[in-house]
Protein backbone atom coordinates (compact mmCIF):
# COMPACT_ATOMS: atom_id res chain seq x y z
CA UNK A 1 0.00 0.00 0.00
CA UNK A 2 1.40 3.43 -0.92
CA UNK A 3 2.49 5.76 1.84
CA UNK A 4 0.07 8.68 2.26
CA UNK A 5 1.36 11.78 0.54
CA UNK A 6 1.49 15.24 2.04
CA UNK A 7 -1.11 17.00 -0.11
CA UNK A 8 0.47 20.46 0.30
CA UNK A 9 3.86 19.13 -0.85
CA UNK A 10 2.20 17.40 -3.81
CA UNK A 11 0.37 20.59 -4.82
CA UNK A 12 3.60 22.58 -4.57
CA UNK A 13 5.38 20.08 -6.84
CA UNK A 14 2.53 20.13 -9.35
CA UNK A 15 2.45 23.95 -9.40
CA UNK A 16 6.19 24.29 -9.99
CA UNK A 17 6.74 21.79 -12.82
CA UNK A 18 9.15 22.57 -15.65
CA UNK A 19 8.41 21.43 -19.20
CA UNK A 20 11.57 19.40 -19.78
CA UNK A 21 11.19 17.25 -16.66
CA UNK A 22 9.18 14.27 -15.49
CA UNK A 23 7.90 14.21 -11.92
CA UNK A 24 7.24 10.96 -10.06
CA UNK A 25 5.73 10.17 -6.69
CA UNK A 26 7.77 7.51 -4.91
CA UNK A 27 5.05 5.34 -3.40
CA UNK A 28 7.13 4.02 -0.52
CA UNK A 29 8.48 7.35 0.71
CA UNK A 30 5.76 9.76 -0.39
CA UNK A 31 8.41 12.03 -1.90
CA UNK A 32 8.53 13.48 -5.41
CA UNK A 33 11.45 12.75 -7.73
CA UNK A 34 12.22 15.07 -10.63
CA UNK A 35 14.15 13.72 -13.64
CA UNK A 36 14.95 15.62 -16.82
CA UNK A 37 13.76 14.10 -20.07
CA UNK A 38 17.36 14.18 -21.34
CA UNK A 39 18.73 12.18 -18.39
CA UNK A 40 15.83 9.72 -18.48
CA UNK A 41 16.52 9.01 -22.16
CA UNK A 42 20.22 8.46 -21.38
CA UNK A 43 19.31 6.06 -18.57
CA UNK A 44 16.83 4.19 -20.77
CA UNK A 45 19.50 3.85 -23.48
CA UNK A 46 22.04 2.88 -20.78
CA UNK A 47 24.46 5.50 -22.04
CA UNK A 48 27.69 5.71 -20.03
CA UNK A 49 27.56 8.22 -17.20
CA UNK A 50 31.24 9.20 -17.00
CA UNK A 51 30.66 12.30 -19.18
CA UNK A 52 28.02 13.64 -16.78
CA UNK A 53 28.54 16.32 -14.14
CA UNK A 54 28.22 15.25 -10.48
CA UNK A 55 24.66 16.58 -10.16
CA UNK A 56 23.71 14.81 -13.41
CA UNK A 57 25.06 11.52 -12.06
CA UNK A 58 22.73 11.83 -9.06
CA UNK A 59 19.82 12.52 -11.40
CA UNK A 60 20.93 9.62 -13.61
CA UNK A 61 20.84 7.28 -10.58
CA UNK A 62 17.29 8.52 -9.82
CA UNK A 63 16.30 7.88 -13.44
CA UNK A 64 17.73 4.36 -13.26
CA UNK A 65 15.71 3.71 -10.12
CA UNK A 66 12.53 4.98 -11.79
CA UNK A 67 13.18 2.65 -14.75
CA UNK A 68 14.21 -0.40 -12.71
CA UNK A 69 11.51 -0.05 -10.03
CA UNK A 70 8.75 1.59 -12.03
CA UNK A 71 6.07 -0.08 -9.89
CA UNK A 72 7.33 2.06 -6.97
CA UNK A 73 6.63 5.29 -8.85
CA UNK A 74 3.63 7.14 -10.25
CA UNK A 75 4.12 9.90 -12.79
CA UNK A 76 2.45 13.12 -11.69
CA UNK A 77 0.04 14.80 -14.08
CA UNK A 78 1.91 17.18 -16.36
CA UNK A 79 1.04 20.77 -17.27
CA UNK A 80 -1.14 19.66 -20.18
CA UNK A 81 -3.18 17.35 -17.97
CA UNK A 82 -3.54 20.04 -15.31
CA UNK A 83 -4.55 22.72 -17.88
CA UNK A 84 -3.97 26.05 -16.20
CA UNK A 85 -5.76 27.82 -19.05
CA UNK A 86 -9.03 26.24 -17.90
CA UNK A 87 -8.26 27.45 -14.39
CA UNK A 88 -7.89 31.01 -15.70
CA UNK A 89 -11.10 30.69 -17.67
CA UNK A 90 -12.98 29.37 -14.64
CA UNK A 91 -11.61 32.24 -12.56
CA UNK A 92 -12.82 34.77 -15.13
CA UNK A 93 -16.33 33.35 -15.18
CA UNK A 94 -16.42 33.11 -11.38
CA UNK A 95 -16.17 36.90 -11.17
CA UNK A 96 -19.26 39.05 -10.71
CA UNK A 97 -20.78 40.48 -13.87
CA UNK A 98 -19.18 43.76 -14.78
CA UNK A 99 -16.14 45.55 -16.14
CA UNK A 100 -13.51 43.47 -14.31
CA UNK A 101 -15.00 40.19 -15.49
CA UNK A 102 -15.15 41.42 -19.09
CA UNK A 103 -11.53 42.60 -18.97
CA UNK A 104 -10.39 39.20 -17.67
CA UNK A 105 -12.41 37.26 -20.25
CA UNK A 106 -11.04 39.45 -23.02
CA UNK A 107 -7.49 38.96 -21.75
CA UNK A 108 -7.56 35.18 -22.17
CA UNK A 109 -8.53 35.27 -25.84
CA UNK A 110 -5.87 34.31 -28.40
CA UNK A 111 -2.09 34.23 -28.39
CA UNK A 112 -0.45 35.74 -25.30
CA UNK A 113 -3.40 34.93 -23.03
CA UNK A 114 -1.29 34.03 -20.02
CA UNK A 115 0.65 37.32 -20.06
CA UNK A 116 -2.45 39.44 -20.64
CA UNK A 117 -4.34 37.59 -17.91
CA UNK A 118 -1.48 38.14 -15.44
CA UNK A 119 -1.39 41.84 -16.34
CA UNK A 120 -5.15 42.20 -15.84
CA UNK A 121 -5.07 40.34 -12.54
CA UNK A 122 -2.36 42.77 -11.38
CA UNK A 123 -4.19 45.87 -12.65
CA UNK A 124 -7.49 44.77 -11.14
CA UNK A 125 -5.76 43.99 -7.82
CA UNK A 126 -7.03 40.41 -7.90
CA UNK A 127 -3.66 38.70 -7.51
CA UNK A 128 -4.35 37.19 -4.08
CA UNK A 129 -7.81 36.11 -5.16
CA UNK A 130 -6.39 34.49 -8.32
CA UNK A 131 -3.63 32.63 -6.46
CA UNK A 132 -6.11 31.31 -3.88
CA UNK A 133 -8.45 30.19 -6.69
CA UNK A 134 -5.55 28.59 -8.61
CA UNK A 135 -4.34 26.81 -5.49
CA UNK A 136 -7.80 25.33 -4.90
CA UNK A 137 -7.90 24.15 -8.52
CA UNK A 138 -4.52 22.45 -8.08
CA UNK A 139 -5.77 20.93 -4.82
CA UNK A 140 -8.79 19.46 -6.63
CA UNK A 141 -6.54 18.01 -9.37
CA UNK A 142 -4.17 16.54 -6.78
CA UNK A 143 -6.98 15.00 -4.73
CA UNK A 144 -8.60 13.45 -7.84
CA UNK A 145 -5.22 12.11 -8.95
CA UNK A 146 -4.55 10.60 -5.52
CA UNK A 147 -8.01 9.03 -5.36
CA UNK A 148 -7.70 7.61 -8.90
CA UNK A 149 -4.29 6.10 -8.07
CA UNK A 150 -5.21 4.83 -4.61
CA UNK A 151 -2.81 7.17 -2.83
CA UNK A 152 -3.87 8.37 0.61
CA UNK A 153 -3.34 11.97 1.63
CA UNK A 154 -2.27 13.55 4.88
C-alpha atoms as a PDB file:
ATOM      1  CA  UNK A   1       0.000   0.000   0.000  1.00  0.00           C
ATOM      2  CA  UNK A   2       1.401   3.429  -0.924  1.00  0.00           C
ATOM      3  CA  UNK A   3       2.490   5.763   1.842  1.00  0.00           C
ATOM      4  CA  UNK A   4       0.071   8.677   2.264  1.00  0.00           C
ATOM      5  CA  UNK A   5       1.357  11.779   0.543  1.00  0.00           C
ATOM      6  CA  UNK A   6       1.490  15.238   2.038  1.00  0.00           C
ATOM      7  CA  UNK A   7      -1.109  17.003  -0.109  1.00  0.00           C
ATOM      8  CA  UNK A   8       0.471  20.455   0.302  1.00  0.00           C
ATOM      9  CA  UNK A   9       3.859  19.125  -0.853  1.00  0.00           C
ATOM     10  CA  UNK A  10       2.198  17.398  -3.810  1.00  0.00           C
ATOM     11  CA  UNK A  11       0.369  20.589  -4.818  1.00  0.00           C
ATOM     12  CA  UNK A  12       3.598  22.582  -4.570  1.00  0.00           C
ATOM     13  CA  UNK A  13       5.375  20.084  -6.835  1.00  0.00           C
ATOM     14  CA  UNK A  14       2.534  20.133  -9.347  1.00  0.00           C
ATOM     15  CA  UNK A  15       2.450  23.946  -9.405  1.00  0.00           C
ATOM     16  CA  UNK A  16       6.187  24.286  -9.995  1.00  0.00           C
ATOM     17  CA  UNK A  17       6.736  21.795 -12.819  1.00  0.00           C
ATOM     18  CA  UNK A  18       9.153  22.570 -15.653  1.00  0.00           C
ATOM     19  CA  UNK A  19       8.415  21.432 -19.204  1.00  0.00           C
ATOM     20  CA  UNK A  20      11.571  19.399 -19.781  1.00  0.00           C
ATOM     21  CA  UNK A  21      11.189  17.250 -16.658  1.00  0.00           C
ATOM     22  CA  UNK A  22       9.180  14.269 -15.493  1.00  0.00           C
ATOM     23  CA  UNK A  23       7.897  14.210 -11.918  1.00  0.00           C
ATOM     24  CA  UNK A  24       7.237  10.963 -10.062  1.00  0.00           C
ATOM     25  CA  UNK A  25       5.726  10.171  -6.689  1.00  0.00           C
ATOM     26  CA  UNK A  26       7.769   7.509  -4.906  1.00  0.00           C
ATOM     27  CA  UNK A  27       5.047   5.342  -3.400  1.00  0.00           C
ATOM     28  CA  UNK A  28       7.132   4.017  -0.515  1.00  0.00           C
ATOM     29  CA  UNK A  29       8.475   7.348   0.711  1.00  0.00           C
ATOM     30  CA  UNK A  30       5.757   9.764  -0.394  1.00  0.00           C
ATOM     31  CA  UNK A  31       8.408  12.035  -1.900  1.00  0.00           C
ATOM     32  CA  UNK A  32       8.527  13.477  -5.410  1.00  0.00           C
ATOM     33  CA  UNK A  33      11.447  12.750  -7.725  1.00  0.00           C
ATOM     34  CA  UNK A  34      12.221  15.074 -10.630  1.00  0.00           C
ATOM     35  CA  UNK A  35      14.147  13.720 -13.639  1.00  0.00           C
ATOM     36  CA  UNK A  36      14.948  15.624 -16.816  1.00  0.00           C
ATOM     37  CA  UNK A  37      13.757  14.101 -20.069  1.00  0.00           C
ATOM     38  CA  UNK A  38      17.359  14.175 -21.340  1.00  0.00           C
ATOM     39  CA  UNK A  39      18.728  12.182 -18.394  1.00  0.00           C
ATOM     40  CA  UNK A  40      15.826   9.725 -18.478  1.00  0.00           C
ATOM     41  CA  UNK A  41      16.520   9.012 -22.161  1.00  0.00           C
ATOM     42  CA  UNK A  42      20.219   8.456 -21.380  1.00  0.00           C
ATOM     43  CA  UNK A  43      19.309   6.062 -18.566  1.00  0.00           C
ATOM     44  CA  UNK A  44      16.832   4.188 -20.772  1.00  0.00           C
ATOM     45  CA  UNK A  45      19.495   3.847 -23.481  1.00  0.00           C
ATOM     46  CA  UNK A  46      22.042   2.875 -20.782  1.00  0.00           C
ATOM     47  CA  UNK A  47      24.464   5.503 -22.035  1.00  0.00           C
ATOM     48  CA  UNK A  48      27.693   5.712 -20.029  1.00  0.00           C
ATOM     49  CA  UNK A  49      27.563   8.224 -17.198  1.00  0.00           C
ATOM     50  CA  UNK A  50      31.243   9.200 -16.996  1.00  0.00           C
ATOM     51  CA  UNK A  51      30.656  12.296 -19.175  1.00  0.00           C
ATOM     52  CA  UNK A  52      28.024  13.636 -16.777  1.00  0.00           C
ATOM     53  CA  UNK A  53      28.535  16.319 -14.136  1.00  0.00           C
ATOM     54  CA  UNK A  54      28.221  15.245 -10.482  1.00  0.00           C
ATOM     55  CA  UNK A  55      24.661  16.581 -10.157  1.00  0.00           C
ATOM     56  CA  UNK A  56      23.706  14.814 -13.406  1.00  0.00           C
ATOM     57  CA  UNK A  57      25.063  11.517 -12.060  1.00  0.00           C
ATOM     58  CA  UNK A  58      22.735  11.834  -9.060  1.00  0.00           C
ATOM     59  CA  UNK A  59      19.824  12.521 -11.395  1.00  0.00           C
ATOM     60  CA  UNK A  60      20.933   9.617 -13.609  1.00  0.00           C
ATOM     61  CA  UNK A  61      20.835   7.284 -10.581  1.00  0.00           C
ATOM     62  CA  UNK A  62      17.293   8.516  -9.816  1.00  0.00           C
ATOM     63  CA  UNK A  63      16.303   7.884 -13.437  1.00  0.00           C
ATOM     64  CA  UNK A  64      17.734   4.361 -13.260  1.00  0.00           C
ATOM     65  CA  UNK A  65      15.710   3.707 -10.123  1.00  0.00           C
ATOM     66  CA  UNK A  66      12.527   4.983 -11.795  1.00  0.00           C
ATOM     67  CA  UNK A  67      13.183   2.651 -14.750  1.00  0.00           C
ATOM     68  CA  UNK A  68      14.209  -0.399 -12.706  1.00  0.00           C
ATOM     69  CA  UNK A  69      11.514  -0.049 -10.028  1.00  0.00           C
ATOM     70  CA  UNK A  70       8.748   1.592 -12.029  1.00  0.00           C
ATOM     71  CA  UNK A  71       6.065  -0.077  -9.886  1.00  0.00           C
ATOM     72  CA  UNK A  72       7.329   2.064  -6.972  1.00  0.00           C
ATOM     73  CA  UNK A  73       6.633   5.294  -8.850  1.00  0.00           C
ATOM     74  CA  UNK A  74       3.629   7.138 -10.246  1.00  0.00           C
ATOM     75  CA  UNK A  75       4.119   9.905 -12.788  1.00  0.00           C
ATOM     76  CA  UNK A  76       2.450  13.122 -11.692  1.00  0.00           C
ATOM     77  CA  UNK A  77       0.036  14.804 -14.079  1.00  0.00           C
ATOM     78  CA  UNK A  78       1.905  17.178 -16.365  1.00  0.00           C
ATOM     79  CA  UNK A  79       1.044  20.772 -17.270  1.00  0.00           C
ATOM     80  CA  UNK A  80      -1.142  19.664 -20.180  1.00  0.00           C
ATOM     81  CA  UNK A  81      -3.181  17.348 -17.968  1.00  0.00           C
ATOM     82  CA  UNK A  82      -3.536  20.040 -15.315  1.00  0.00           C
ATOM     83  CA  UNK A  83      -4.547  22.723 -17.880  1.00  0.00           C
ATOM     84  CA  UNK A  84      -3.970  26.047 -16.200  1.00  0.00           C
ATOM     85  CA  UNK A  85      -5.760  27.825 -19.054  1.00  0.00           C
ATOM     86  CA  UNK A  86      -9.032  26.237 -17.903  1.00  0.00           C
ATOM     87  CA  UNK A  87      -8.260  27.455 -14.386  1.00  0.00           C
ATOM     88  CA  UNK A  88      -7.892  31.009 -15.704  1.00  0.00           C
ATOM     89  CA  UNK A  89     -11.103  30.690 -17.674  1.00  0.00           C
ATOM     90  CA  UNK A  90     -12.980  29.369 -14.635  1.00  0.00           C
ATOM     91  CA  UNK A  91     -11.606  32.238 -12.556  1.00  0.00           C
ATOM     92  CA  UNK A  92     -12.817  34.766 -15.135  1.00  0.00           C
ATOM     93  CA  UNK A  93     -16.328  33.348 -15.178  1.00  0.00           C
ATOM     94  CA  UNK A  94     -16.424  33.108 -11.382  1.00  0.00           C
ATOM     95  CA  UNK A  95     -16.175  36.904 -11.169  1.00  0.00           C
ATOM     96  CA  UNK A  96     -19.258  39.055 -10.707  1.00  0.00           C
ATOM     97  CA  UNK A  97     -20.781  40.481 -13.866  1.00  0.00           C
ATOM     98  CA  UNK A  98     -19.180  43.761 -14.783  1.00  0.00           C
ATOM     99  CA  UNK A  99     -16.143  45.545 -16.140  1.00  0.00           C
ATOM    100  CA  UNK A 100     -13.512  43.466 -14.307  1.00  0.00           C
ATOM    101  CA  UNK A 101     -15.003  40.195 -15.487  1.00  0.00           C
ATOM    102  CA  UNK A 102     -15.150  41.419 -19.086  1.00  0.00           C
ATOM    103  CA  UNK A 103     -11.528  42.598 -18.966  1.00  0.00           C
ATOM    104  CA  UNK A 104     -10.393  39.200 -17.669  1.00  0.00           C
ATOM    105  CA  UNK A 105     -12.414  37.262 -20.246  1.00  0.00           C
ATOM    106  CA  UNK A 106     -11.040  39.455 -23.020  1.00  0.00           C
ATOM    107  CA  UNK A 107      -7.485  38.962 -21.751  1.00  0.00           C
ATOM    108  CA  UNK A 108      -7.564  35.180 -22.166  1.00  0.00           C
ATOM    109  CA  UNK A 109      -8.527  35.269 -25.844  1.00  0.00           C
ATOM    110  CA  UNK A 110      -5.871  34.312 -28.400  1.00  0.00           C
ATOM    111  CA  UNK A 111      -2.091  34.229 -28.387  1.00  0.00           C
ATOM    112  CA  UNK A 112      -0.447  35.737 -25.304  1.00  0.00           C
ATOM    113  CA  UNK A 113      -3.404  34.929 -23.035  1.00  0.00           C
ATOM    114  CA  UNK A 114      -1.286  34.029 -20.020  1.00  0.00           C
ATOM    115  CA  UNK A 115       0.646  37.316 -20.056  1.00  0.00           C
ATOM    116  CA  UNK A 116      -2.450  39.436 -20.636  1.00  0.00           C
ATOM    117  CA  UNK A 117      -4.341  37.585 -17.906  1.00  0.00           C
ATOM    118  CA  UNK A 118      -1.484  38.139 -15.435  1.00  0.00           C
ATOM    119  CA  UNK A 119      -1.394  41.838 -16.344  1.00  0.00           C
ATOM    120  CA  UNK A 120      -5.150  42.205 -15.844  1.00  0.00           C
ATOM    121  CA  UNK A 121      -5.068  40.343 -12.535  1.00  0.00           C
ATOM    122  CA  UNK A 122      -2.360  42.773 -11.380  1.00  0.00           C
ATOM    123  CA  UNK A 123      -4.187  45.873 -12.653  1.00  0.00           C
ATOM    124  CA  UNK A 124      -7.492  44.767 -11.136  1.00  0.00           C
ATOM    125  CA  UNK A 125      -5.760  43.992  -7.819  1.00  0.00           C
ATOM    126  CA  UNK A 126      -7.029  40.412  -7.900  1.00  0.00           C
ATOM    127  CA  UNK A 127      -3.659  38.703  -7.506  1.00  0.00           C
ATOM    128  CA  UNK A 128      -4.347  37.189  -4.077  1.00  0.00           C
ATOM    129  CA  UNK A 129      -7.815  36.105  -5.163  1.00  0.00           C
ATOM    130  CA  UNK A 130      -6.387  34.490  -8.319  1.00  0.00           C
ATOM    131  CA  UNK A 131      -3.632  32.627  -6.456  1.00  0.00           C
ATOM    132  CA  UNK A 132      -6.114  31.314  -3.883  1.00  0.00           C
ATOM    133  CA  UNK A 133      -8.448  30.194  -6.690  1.00  0.00           C
ATOM    134  CA  UNK A 134      -5.550  28.590  -8.608  1.00  0.00           C
ATOM    135  CA  UNK A 135      -4.336  26.809  -5.491  1.00  0.00           C
ATOM    136  CA  UNK A 136      -7.799  25.331  -4.899  1.00  0.00           C
ATOM    137  CA  UNK A 137      -7.898  24.153  -8.518  1.00  0.00           C
ATOM    138  CA  UNK A 138      -4.524  22.446  -8.083  1.00  0.00           C
ATOM    139  CA  UNK A 139      -5.772  20.935  -4.823  1.00  0.00           C
ATOM    140  CA  UNK A 140      -8.791  19.463  -6.634  1.00  0.00           C
ATOM    141  CA  UNK A 141      -6.542  18.015  -9.366  1.00  0.00           C
ATOM    142  CA  UNK A 142      -4.168  16.543  -6.776  1.00  0.00           C
ATOM    143  CA  UNK A 143      -6.980  14.999  -4.734  1.00  0.00           C
ATOM    144  CA  UNK A 144      -8.605  13.454  -7.838  1.00  0.00           C
ATOM    145  CA  UNK A 145      -5.218  12.110  -8.954  1.00  0.00           C
ATOM    146  CA  UNK A 146      -4.552  10.599  -5.518  1.00  0.00           C
ATOM    147  CA  UNK A 147      -8.009   9.029  -5.363  1.00  0.00           C
ATOM    148  CA  UNK A 148      -7.698   7.613  -8.897  1.00  0.00           C
ATOM    149  CA  UNK A 149      -4.291   6.100  -8.073  1.00  0.00           C
ATOM    150  CA  UNK A 150      -5.211   4.826  -4.614  1.00  0.00           C
ATOM    151  CA  UNK A 151      -2.815   7.167  -2.829  1.00  0.00           C
ATOM    152  CA  UNK A 152      -3.867   8.370   0.609  1.00  0.00           C
ATOM    153  CA  UNK A 153      -3.342  11.974   1.627  1.00  0.00           C
ATOM    154  CA  UNK A 154      -2.266  13.553   4.884  1.00  0.00           C
END
